[in-house]
């Protein structure tokens, strides 16, 4: 049985994942219709970058492609087991997904009960898009593969749906390259998948921006994920003369690529078409962090302990935040307009900013709990259970990096 040993993390990439997760939370809070209706003034942090922060999901996809390549291609190519790989991927994403799905179901049942009892008023009082059919799709991670045309239940999990099946495609691509006896085929197929998916979204479907979710979200994931796979290969081909360049020169390049990443997201609001360049911008920035881990300026900032802490809990942050926002919506409705007006009389936007701070703090507290008591033990338990199935993994052992979402 294969023992998939772990290499040290690239902490800078972990931290970027955490920053991106928090940005997605802020994005959803400042654009939530309930909050926009309840708070007349914007939060101080409400700017174009955060309003377009949802496009950082593509950064997650690029990063996943890089990590999967580092974990299973650079070391494990000749001994890759598709079943072992998919068990590990399933164990990584599913326990927290299914828990949050049932938490959302419980909340909806309580809500309907309170409405029927006349304690709260809500229209409509039925499941709306959160119906039995969409619940079934969520159980099998099929809810963003075109079977329904709306976000449902724990809405951010749409990206988990498309990413899980992208893992499967990646595993098949690795097996094809194995059978053909060359890693070259893996990168050829990765290039074809990334380019064809991007072309389909941008040209054939003529999408306004890259923001596909339940509609062609799989193509969006293919574009960024396989670009991430290619990024690792490009980094491995960099000559030692570039890798050994002056740390300040390399740091300047990293800083410029980080500014370009932020700028790309910032400009999406005004120029939606620029979102189609985001995966490439993300790949350049993340690739520079991988290639030049000792460069000045950016890496030292990203290994700060709070950012590493965020990075470790990024998946939990992403998966629990919609539920926290849902609770906050009901709280704001119950609070009414008078306290909001009183806070805004002190300083315009104070109530909105305070709401954002409280929601974000609640997300961090809850994500720490789900990370410790659901994500980690759930992953271990799932791997142990599925690992008892015969032939889950191959018969040899090789070292590799820690697979991470």
Protein backbone atom coordinates (compact mmCIF):
# COMPACT_ATOMS: atom_id res chain seq x y z
CA UNK A 1 0.00 0.00 0.00
CA UNK A 2 1.33 3.44 -0.95
CA UNK A 3 2.27 5.75 1.89
CA UNK A 4 1.91 9.21 0.41
CA UNK A 5 4.53 11.05 2.44
CA UNK A 6 4.40 14.80 2.73
CA UNK A 7 6.96 17.43 1.91
CA UNK A 8 7.07 20.80 3.62
CA UNK A 9 4.49 23.37 2.57
CA UNK A 10 5.28 26.33 0.41
CA UNK A 11 4.09 28.67 3.13
CA UNK A 12 3.79 31.67 0.83
CA UNK A 13 1.25 29.81 -1.32
CA UNK A 14 -0.67 28.75 1.79
CA UNK A 15 -0.84 32.37 2.94
CA UNK A 16 -2.08 33.56 -0.45
CA UNK A 17 -4.87 31.00 -0.22
CA UNK A 18 -5.88 32.41 3.16
CA UNK A 19 -5.83 36.01 1.93
CA UNK A 20 -7.93 35.02 -1.08
CA UNK A 21 -10.47 33.23 1.13
CA UNK A 22 -10.89 36.30 3.35
CA UNK A 23 -11.25 38.48 0.25
CA UNK A 24 -14.07 36.27 -1.02
CA UNK A 25 -15.82 36.64 2.36
CA UNK A 26 -15.54 40.44 2.21
CA UNK A 27 -16.78 40.34 -1.39
CA UNK A 28 -19.94 38.50 -0.41
CA UNK A 29 -20.63 40.62 2.67
CA UNK A 30 -20.35 44.01 0.95
CA UNK A 31 -22.55 42.88 -1.97
CA UNK A 32 -25.20 40.97 0.00
CA UNK A 33 -28.60 42.45 -1.03
CA UNK A 34 -29.92 42.33 2.55
CA UNK A 35 -26.99 44.37 3.80
CA UNK A 36 -27.17 46.80 0.88
CA UNK A 37 -30.83 47.43 1.77
CA UNK A 38 -30.21 47.71 5.52
CA UNK A 39 -27.09 49.89 5.50
CA UNK A 40 -27.35 53.21 3.62
CA UNK A 41 -23.61 53.87 3.63
CA UNK A 42 -20.73 51.77 2.36
CA UNK A 43 -18.07 50.18 4.52
CA UNK A 44 -14.68 51.90 4.35
CA UNK A 45 -13.24 48.80 2.68
CA UNK A 46 -15.89 48.76 -0.06
CA UNK A 47 -13.83 49.27 -3.21
CA UNK A 48 -13.60 47.82 -6.71
CA UNK A 49 -11.08 45.14 -5.68
CA UNK A 50 -13.36 43.62 -3.05
CA UNK A 51 -16.49 44.06 -5.16
CA UNK A 52 -14.77 41.86 -7.77
CA UNK A 53 -13.14 39.63 -5.18
CA UNK A 54 -15.16 36.61 -6.29
CA UNK A 55 -12.75 36.20 -9.19
CA UNK A 56 -10.12 35.08 -6.70
CA UNK A 57 -11.84 31.69 -6.92
CA UNK A 58 -9.77 31.37 -10.10
CA UNK A 59 -6.67 31.88 -7.99
CA UNK A 60 -7.80 28.88 -5.91
CA UNK A 61 -8.10 26.85 -9.10
CA UNK A 62 -4.63 27.85 -10.35
CA UNK A 63 -3.17 27.08 -6.94
CA UNK A 64 -4.87 23.67 -6.82
CA UNK A 65 -3.41 22.79 -10.20
CA UNK A 66 0.04 23.76 -8.98
CA UNK A 67 -0.25 21.77 -5.76
CA UNK A 68 -1.61 18.69 -7.53
CA UNK A 69 1.28 18.85 -9.99
CA UNK A 70 3.84 19.23 -7.22
CA UNK A 71 2.26 16.42 -5.23
CA UNK A 72 1.47 13.81 -7.84
CA UNK A 73 3.43 14.58 -10.99
CA UNK A 74 6.87 15.76 -9.95
CA UNK A 75 7.40 12.76 -7.65
CA UNK A 76 4.61 10.25 -8.20
CA UNK A 77 4.17 10.17 -11.98
CA UNK A 78 5.50 6.65 -12.52
CA UNK A 79 3.56 5.21 -9.56
CA UNK A 80 0.40 7.29 -9.71
CA UNK A 81 -2.79 5.53 -8.58
CA UNK A 82 -6.03 7.15 -9.69
CA UNK A 83 -8.05 5.47 -6.94
CA UNK A 84 -5.61 6.55 -4.25
CA UNK A 85 -5.58 10.07 -5.64
CA UNK A 86 -9.38 10.37 -5.75
CA UNK A 87 -9.73 8.92 -2.24
CA UNK A 88 -7.38 11.61 -0.96
CA UNK A 89 -9.18 14.34 -2.88
CA UNK A 90 -12.57 13.12 -1.67
CA UNK A 91 -11.33 12.97 1.93
CA UNK A 92 -9.97 16.48 1.59
CA UNK A 93 -13.13 18.21 0.38
CA UNK A 94 -16.13 16.06 1.29
CA UNK A 95 -16.40 15.92 5.11
CA UNK A 96 -16.76 19.68 5.55
CA UNK A 97 -18.94 19.95 2.45
CA UNK A 98 -21.45 17.39 3.68
CA UNK A 99 -21.50 18.82 7.21
CA UNK A 100 -22.24 22.34 5.92
CA UNK A 101 -24.87 20.93 3.58
CA UNK A 102 -26.74 19.32 6.50
CA UNK A 103 -26.24 22.42 8.65
CA UNK A 104 -27.90 24.46 5.92
CA UNK A 105 -30.70 21.88 5.67
CA UNK A 106 -31.30 22.07 9.42
CA UNK A 107 -31.41 25.86 9.26
CA UNK A 108 -33.96 25.77 6.44
CA UNK A 109 -36.15 23.30 8.33
CA UNK A 110 -36.05 25.47 11.47
CA UNK A 111 -36.86 28.53 9.36
CA UNK A 112 -39.89 26.85 7.79
CA UNK A 113 -41.05 25.69 11.21
CA UNK A 114 -40.82 29.22 12.61
CA UNK A 115 -42.70 30.64 9.63
CA UNK A 116 -45.45 28.05 9.96
CA UNK A 117 -45.70 28.85 13.67
CA UNK A 118 -46.08 32.53 12.84
CA UNK A 119 -42.98 33.51 14.82
CA UNK A 120 -41.20 34.98 11.80
CA UNK A 121 -42.47 36.20 8.45
CA UNK A 122 -40.73 35.11 5.29
CA UNK A 123 -41.79 34.85 1.67
CA UNK A 124 -41.69 32.32 0.24
CA UNK A 125 -41.86 29.75 3.01
CA UNK A 126 -40.85 26.73 0.92
CA UNK A 127 -37.44 25.46 -0.06
CA UNK A 128 -37.23 27.59 -3.23
CA UNK A 129 -34.02 26.53 -5.01
CA UNK A 130 -32.97 24.53 -1.95
CA UNK A 131 -35.13 21.57 -2.87
CA UNK A 132 -34.76 17.80 -2.66
CA UNK A 133 -33.34 17.55 -6.18
CA UNK A 134 -30.59 20.11 -5.62
CA UNK A 135 -29.86 18.52 -2.24
CA UNK A 136 -29.36 15.16 -3.95
CA UNK A 137 -26.98 16.79 -6.43
CA UNK A 138 -25.03 18.37 -3.59
CA UNK A 139 -24.59 15.02 -1.88
CA UNK A 140 -22.84 13.72 -4.99
CA UNK A 141 -21.03 17.01 -5.76
CA UNK A 142 -22.98 17.33 -9.01
CA UNK A 143 -24.70 20.62 -8.27
CA UNK A 144 -22.57 22.80 -10.56
CA UNK A 145 -22.29 20.50 -13.56
CA UNK A 146 -25.27 21.88 -15.45
CA UNK A 147 -28.06 19.84 -13.84
CA UNK A 148 -29.57 22.98 -12.28
CA UNK A 149 -29.25 26.58 -13.36
CA UNK A 150 -28.94 28.33 -10.02
CA UNK A 151 -26.75 28.39 -6.94
CA UNK A 152 -28.23 26.42 -4.06
CA UNK A 153 -27.74 25.30 -0.47
CA UNK A 154 -24.19 26.24 0.57
CA UNK A 155 -23.67 28.40 -2.51
CA UNK A 156 -19.83 28.74 -2.44
CA UNK A 157 -19.57 24.96 -2.74
CA UNK A 158 -20.25 25.32 -6.48
CA UNK A 159 -16.48 25.60 -6.89
CA UNK A 160 -15.90 22.41 -4.86
CA UNK A 161 -18.26 20.60 -7.22
CA UNK A 162 -16.39 21.58 -10.37
CA UNK A 163 -12.97 21.20 -8.77
CA UNK A 164 -13.65 17.65 -7.58
CA UNK A 165 -14.46 16.49 -11.10
CA UNK A 166 -11.51 18.46 -12.43
CA UNK A 167 -9.39 16.30 -10.11
CA UNK A 168 -10.85 13.26 -11.83
CA UNK A 169 -9.99 14.62 -15.27
CA UNK A 170 -6.49 15.48 -14.05
CA UNK A 171 -6.06 11.93 -12.76
CA UNK A 172 -7.15 10.49 -16.10
CA UNK A 173 -4.71 12.81 -17.91
CA UNK A 174 -1.88 11.57 -15.68
CA UNK A 175 -2.84 7.96 -16.44
CA UNK A 176 -2.89 8.67 -20.19
CA UNK A 177 0.58 10.20 -19.97
CA UNK A 178 1.68 7.17 -17.96
CA UNK A 179 0.42 4.79 -20.63
CA UNK A 180 2.14 6.83 -23.34
CA UNK A 181 5.32 6.75 -21.28
CA UNK A 182 6.11 10.46 -21.17
CA UNK A 183 5.29 13.47 -19.02
CA UNK A 184 5.28 15.49 -22.21
CA UNK A 185 1.83 14.18 -22.99
CA UNK A 186 0.53 15.35 -19.63
CA UNK A 187 1.57 18.92 -20.39
CA UNK A 188 0.29 18.74 -23.97
CA UNK A 189 -3.11 17.60 -22.72
CA UNK A 190 -3.08 20.19 -19.91
CA UNK A 191 -2.37 22.93 -22.46
CA UNK A 192 -5.15 21.71 -24.74
CA UNK A 193 -7.67 21.55 -21.88
CA UNK A 194 -6.76 25.00 -20.55
CA UNK A 195 -6.74 26.66 -23.97
CA UNK A 196 -9.88 24.95 -25.26
CA UNK A 197 -11.83 25.78 -22.07
CA UNK A 198 -10.73 29.42 -22.15
CA UNK A 199 -11.56 29.71 -25.87
CA UNK A 200 -14.98 28.15 -25.35
CA UNK A 201 -15.88 30.59 -22.58
CA UNK A 202 -14.40 33.72 -24.17
CA UNK A 203 -15.16 33.17 -27.86
CA UNK A 204 -17.64 30.38 -28.55
CA UNK A 205 -19.99 31.15 -25.65
CA UNK A 206 -19.05 34.84 -25.78
CA UNK A 207 -19.35 35.21 -22.01
CA UNK A 208 -19.29 38.74 -20.65
CA UNK A 209 -16.66 37.75 -18.10
CA UNK A 210 -15.02 34.66 -16.62
CA UNK A 211 -17.56 34.43 -13.82
CA UNK A 212 -19.21 31.15 -14.86
CA UNK A 213 -20.50 29.12 -11.90
CA UNK A 214 -23.34 26.62 -12.30
CA UNK A 215 -23.24 27.46 -16.03
CA UNK A 216 -19.95 26.17 -17.46
CA UNK A 217 -18.11 26.52 -14.17
CA UNK A 218 -16.29 23.30 -15.04
CA UNK A 219 -14.69 25.02 -18.04
CA UNK A 220 -13.68 27.90 -15.80
CA UNK A 221 -12.01 25.47 -13.44
CA UNK A 222 -10.29 23.60 -16.31
CA UNK A 223 -8.84 26.88 -17.57
CA UNK A 224 -7.19 27.87 -14.30
CA UNK A 225 -6.41 24.43 -12.86
CA UNK A 226 -4.51 23.16 -15.89
CA UNK A 227 -2.78 26.51 -16.23
CA UNK A 228 -1.55 25.87 -12.69
CA UNK A 229 -0.24 22.46 -13.78
CA UNK A 230 1.64 24.13 -16.63
CA UNK A 231 3.00 26.80 -14.28
CA UNK A 232 4.85 24.21 -12.21
CA UNK A 233 6.47 22.84 -15.36
CA UNK A 234 7.52 26.31 -16.54
CA UNK A 235 9.03 27.06 -13.13
CA UNK A 236 11.00 23.80 -13.27
CA UNK A 237 12.52 24.87 -16.59
CA UNK A 238 13.83 28.20 -15.32
CA UNK A 239 17.64 28.30 -15.57
CA UNK A 240 19.73 28.59 -12.45
CA UNK A 241 20.95 32.00 -13.58
CA UNK A 242 17.44 33.38 -13.14
CA UNK A 243 16.76 31.54 -9.90
CA UNK A 244 20.03 32.82 -8.48
CA UNK A 245 19.53 36.44 -9.46
CA UNK A 246 19.68 39.26 -6.95
CA UNK A 247 17.03 38.76 -4.27
CA UNK A 248 15.93 42.38 -4.55
CA UNK A 249 15.54 42.11 -8.32
CA UNK A 250 13.48 38.96 -7.89
CA UNK A 251 11.54 40.64 -5.11
CA UNK A 252 10.76 43.56 -7.43
CA UNK A 253 9.41 41.11 -10.02
CA UNK A 254 7.25 39.39 -7.43
CA UNK A 255 5.96 42.71 -6.17
CA UNK A 256 5.14 43.81 -9.71
CA UNK A 257 3.29 40.55 -10.40
CA UNK A 258 1.36 40.96 -7.14
CA UNK A 259 0.38 44.51 -8.12
CA UNK A 260 -0.70 43.20 -11.53
CA UNK A 261 -2.83 40.55 -9.81
CA UNK A 262 -4.55 43.09 -7.59
CA UNK A 263 -4.91 45.48 -10.52
CA UNK A 264 -6.47 42.83 -12.71
CA UNK A 265 -9.14 42.07 -10.11
CA UNK A 266 -9.64 45.79 -9.40
CA UNK A 267 -10.32 46.57 -13.07
CA UNK A 268 -12.86 43.78 -13.63
CA UNK A 269 -15.71 45.94 -12.37
CA UNK A 270 -15.04 48.58 -15.03
CA UNK A 271 -13.80 46.21 -17.73
CA UNK A 272 -15.39 42.75 -17.28
CA UNK A 273 -13.47 41.30 -20.25
CA UNK A 274 -10.21 41.70 -18.36
CA UNK A 275 -11.28 38.84 -16.08
CA UNK A 276 -10.27 36.46 -18.89
CA UNK A 277 -6.67 37.49 -18.24
CA UNK A 278 -6.93 36.82 -14.50
CA UNK A 279 -5.85 33.14 -14.57
CA UNK A 280 -2.65 34.06 -16.40
CA UNK A 281 -1.96 36.94 -14.02
CA UNK A 282 -2.53 34.65 -11.05
CA UNK A 283 -0.28 31.98 -12.55
CA UNK A 284 2.59 34.43 -13.03
CA UNK A 285 2.34 35.68 -9.45
CA UNK A 286 1.98 32.24 -7.87
CA UNK A 287 4.69 30.87 -10.13
CA UNK A 288 7.06 33.59 -8.99
CA UNK A 289 6.44 32.65 -5.35
CA UNK A 290 7.21 29.03 -6.15
CA UNK A 291 10.29 29.85 -8.23
CA UNK A 292 11.83 32.47 -5.94
CA UNK A 293 10.99 31.54 -2.34
CA UNK A 294 13.95 33.51 -0.97
CA UNK A 295 13.30 36.75 -2.81
CA UNK A 296 13.10 39.98 -0.85
CA UNK A 297 9.88 41.82 0.08
CA UNK A 298 6.93 39.51 -0.72
CA UNK A 299 7.91 36.10 0.75
CA UNK A 300 8.94 37.54 4.14
CA UNK A 301 5.54 39.23 4.39
CA UNK A 302 3.64 36.08 3.48
CA UNK A 303 5.25 33.82 6.09
CA UNK A 304 3.90 35.94 8.94
CA UNK A 305 2.19 33.68 11.46
CA UNK A 306 -1.33 35.20 11.14
CA UNK A 307 -1.27 34.70 7.37
CA UNK A 308 -0.04 31.12 7.69
CA UNK A 309 -2.87 30.54 10.20
CA UNK A 310 -5.37 31.87 7.66
CA UNK A 311 -3.89 29.70 4.94
CA UNK A 312 -4.30 26.52 6.96
CA UNK A 313 -7.97 27.34 7.55
CA UNK A 314 -8.72 28.75 4.10
CA UNK A 315 -10.98 25.87 3.04
CA UNK A 316 -13.00 26.14 6.25
CA UNK A 317 -13.22 29.93 5.84
CA UNK A 318 -14.53 29.50 2.33
CA UNK A 319 -17.04 26.79 3.21
CA UNK A 320 -18.56 28.26 6.40
CA UNK A 321 -18.82 31.92 5.48
CA UNK A 322 -22.11 31.71 3.58
CA UNK A 323 -23.84 30.24 6.62
CA UNK A 324 -22.46 32.98 8.88
CA UNK A 325 -23.63 35.61 6.40
CA UNK A 326 -27.08 33.98 6.37
CA UNK A 327 -27.31 34.22 10.16
CA UNK A 328 -26.13 37.83 10.01
CA UNK A 329 -28.87 38.66 7.51
CA UNK A 330 -31.56 37.51 9.93
CA UNK A 331 -29.91 39.36 12.79
CA UNK A 332 -29.79 42.62 10.82
CA UNK A 333 -33.44 42.27 9.87
CA UNK A 334 -34.38 41.71 13.51
CA UNK A 335 -32.24 44.66 14.62
CA UNK A 336 -34.13 47.15 12.50
CA UNK A 337 -33.17 50.55 11.11
CA UNK A 338 -32.89 52.56 14.33
CA UNK A 339 -29.53 51.18 15.63
CA UNK A 340 -28.09 51.46 12.12
CA UNK A 341 -29.11 55.11 11.91
CA UNK A 342 -27.64 55.78 15.36
CA UNK A 343 -24.27 54.32 14.39
CA UNK A 344 -24.20 56.17 11.08
CA UNK A 345 -24.96 59.40 12.93
CA UNK A 346 -21.63 58.93 14.72
CA UNK A 347 -19.80 58.34 11.45
CA UNK A 348 -21.29 57.49 8.01
CA UNK A 349 -20.60 53.86 7.17
CA UNK A 350 -19.79 52.87 10.76
CA UNK A 351 -22.69 50.40 10.92
CA UNK A 352 -21.71 48.78 7.63
CA UNK A 353 -18.07 48.46 8.66
CA UNK A 354 -19.02 47.10 12.08
CA UNK A 355 -21.26 44.52 10.40
CA UNK A 356 -18.37 43.45 8.17
CA UNK A 357 -15.97 43.17 11.12
CA UNK A 358 -18.40 41.12 13.20
CA UNK A 359 -19.23 38.77 10.32
CA UNK A 360 -15.57 38.29 9.45
CA UNK A 361 -14.66 37.63 13.09
CA UNK A 362 -17.46 35.08 13.37
CA UNK A 363 -16.28 33.37 10.20
CA UNK A 364 -12.73 33.09 11.54
CA UNK A 365 -13.91 31.68 14.88
CA UNK A 366 -16.23 29.14 13.27
CA UNK A 367 -13.69 28.16 10.62
CA UNK A 368 -11.11 27.46 13.31
CA UNK A 369 -13.59 25.09 14.97
CA UNK A 370 -14.53 23.34 11.72
CA UNK A 371 -10.87 23.06 10.77
CA UNK A 372 -9.96 21.39 14.05
CA UNK A 373 -13.04 19.26 14.62
CA UNK A 374 -14.41 18.50 11.14
CA UNK A 375 -11.93 19.17 8.37
CA UNK A 376 -8.85 17.45 9.84
CA UNK A 377 -10.45 14.50 11.70
CA UNK A 378 -13.08 14.08 8.98
CA UNK A 379 -10.38 13.80 6.35
CA UNK A 380 -8.46 11.23 8.39
CA UNK A 381 -11.60 9.22 9.13
CA UNK A 382 -12.66 9.23 5.47
CA UNK A 383 -9.24 8.10 4.28
CA UNK A 384 -9.18 5.34 6.88
CA UNK A 385 -12.62 4.08 5.85
CA UNK A 386 -12.01 4.24 2.11
CA UNK A 387 -8.46 2.97 2.54
CA UNK A 388 -9.85 -0.40 3.58
CA UNK A 389 -11.26 -0.92 0.11
CA UNK A 390 -8.97 -3.35 -1.75
CA UNK A 391 -6.57 -1.89 -4.30
CA UNK A 392 -7.19 1.72 -3.30
CA UNK A 393 -3.52 2.43 -3.76
CA UNK A 394 -0.55 0.99 -5.53
CA UNK A 395 2.10 -1.17 -3.94
CA UNK A 396 5.06 1.19 -3.79
CA UNK A 397 5.89 4.28 -1.82
CA UNK A 398 7.26 7.61 -2.99
CA UNK A 399 7.58 10.97 -1.28
CA UNK A 400 5.55 13.97 -2.38
CA UNK A 401 4.14 17.27 -1.23
CA UNK A 402 1.06 17.52 0.95
CA UNK A 403 -2.03 17.62 -1.22
CA UNK A 404 -4.10 20.62 -0.25
CA UNK A 405 -7.17 22.29 -1.63
